[in-house]
């Protein structure tokens, strides 16, 4: 069950990041990978900045942190691409 939740959170976070950064998604597989990488990046950034983030639901917290990390990943990728 945990793997299924991770996949769903990653896909949703990747889709959210795609909507925020370019206005469209990238497809399920890319959104999934982007969300999972974003989750790692988001957790690392929030930990390094000592940000204690809580909306009252651990699932919602995970989605927001993963989406924030995915946005950071997309932003950095855009800088490198230029």
Protein backbone atom coordinates (compact mmCIF):
# COMPACT_ATOMS: atom_id res chain seq x y z
CA UNK A 1 0.00 0.00 0.00
CA UNK A 2 2.87 2.37 0.79
CA UNK A 3 4.29 1.99 -2.73
CA UNK A 4 0.91 2.85 -4.23
CA UNK A 5 0.63 5.98 -2.07
CA UNK A 6 4.18 7.01 -3.05
CA UNK A 7 3.35 6.61 -6.74
CA UNK A 8 0.12 8.59 -6.41
CA UNK A 9 1.77 11.38 -4.39
CA UNK A 10 4.66 11.54 -6.88
CA UNK A 11 2.33 11.67 -9.88
CA UNK A 12 0.15 14.36 -8.30
CA UNK A 13 3.16 16.45 -7.21
CA UNK A 14 4.74 16.18 -10.67
CA UNK A 15 1.47 17.17 -12.33
CA UNK A 16 1.11 20.17 -9.98
CA UNK A 17 4.66 21.29 -10.72
CA UNK A 18 4.03 20.95 -14.45
CA UNK A 19 0.93 23.11 -14.13
CA UNK A 20 2.73 25.79 -12.13
CA UNK A 21 5.91 25.96 -14.23
CA UNK A 22 4.70 25.59 -17.79
CA UNK A 23 0.93 25.33 -17.70
CA UNK A 24 0.73 21.71 -18.85
CA UNK A 25 1.63 18.29 -17.57
CA UNK A 26 4.35 16.09 -19.04
CA UNK A 27 2.58 12.74 -19.05
CA UNK A 28 2.11 10.22 -16.28
CA UNK A 29 5.60 8.69 -16.29
CA UNK A 30 7.50 12.00 -16.39
CA UNK A 31 5.16 13.48 -13.77
CA UNK A 32 5.75 10.44 -11.57
CA UNK A 33 9.54 10.65 -11.83
CA UNK A 34 9.47 14.43 -11.40
CA UNK A 35 7.29 14.09 -8.31
CA UNK A 36 9.48 11.45 -6.70
CA UNK A 37 12.68 13.42 -7.39
CA UNK A 38 10.86 16.54 -6.23
CA UNK A 39 9.91 14.82 -3.01
CA UNK A 40 13.55 14.08 -2.24
CA UNK A 41 14.61 17.62 -3.17
CA UNK A 42 11.71 19.21 -1.27
CA UNK A 43 12.43 17.23 1.89
CA UNK A 44 16.12 18.11 1.66
CA UNK A 45 15.43 21.84 1.13
CA UNK A 46 12.82 22.04 3.89
CA UNK A 47 15.20 20.22 6.25
CA UNK A 48 18.18 22.46 5.39
CA UNK A 49 16.10 25.62 5.87
CA UNK A 50 14.64 24.28 9.14
CA UNK A 51 11.10 24.71 7.84
CA UNK A 52 8.59 22.77 9.92
CA UNK A 53 5.68 22.41 7.52
CA UNK A 54 2.36 21.02 8.64
CA UNK A 55 -1.14 21.44 7.29
CA UNK A 56 -2.56 18.85 9.64
CA UNK A 57 -2.51 15.95 7.19
CA UNK A 58 0.67 14.02 6.50
CA UNK A 59 -0.56 13.10 3.00
CA UNK A 60 -1.29 16.74 2.12
CA UNK A 61 2.06 17.76 3.63
CA UNK A 62 3.83 15.18 1.47
CA UNK A 63 2.08 16.40 -1.69
CA UNK A 64 2.92 20.06 -1.01
CA UNK A 65 6.58 19.34 -0.17
CA UNK A 66 6.97 17.06 -3.20
CA UNK A 67 5.36 19.65 -5.47
CA UNK A 68 7.64 22.39 -4.10
CA UNK A 69 10.67 20.18 -4.72
CA UNK A 70 9.47 19.33 -8.23
CA UNK A 71 9.05 23.05 -8.98
CA UNK A 72 12.64 23.60 -7.82
CA UNK A 73 13.81 20.74 -10.06
CA UNK A 74 11.93 22.20 -13.06
CA UNK A 75 13.34 25.67 -12.38
CA UNK A 76 16.93 24.40 -12.20
CA UNK A 77 16.40 22.27 -15.32
CA UNK A 78 15.15 25.36 -17.13
CA UNK A 79 18.27 27.29 -16.12
CA UNK A 80 20.53 24.50 -17.33
CA UNK A 81 18.61 24.16 -20.59
CA UNK A 82 19.19 27.82 -21.43
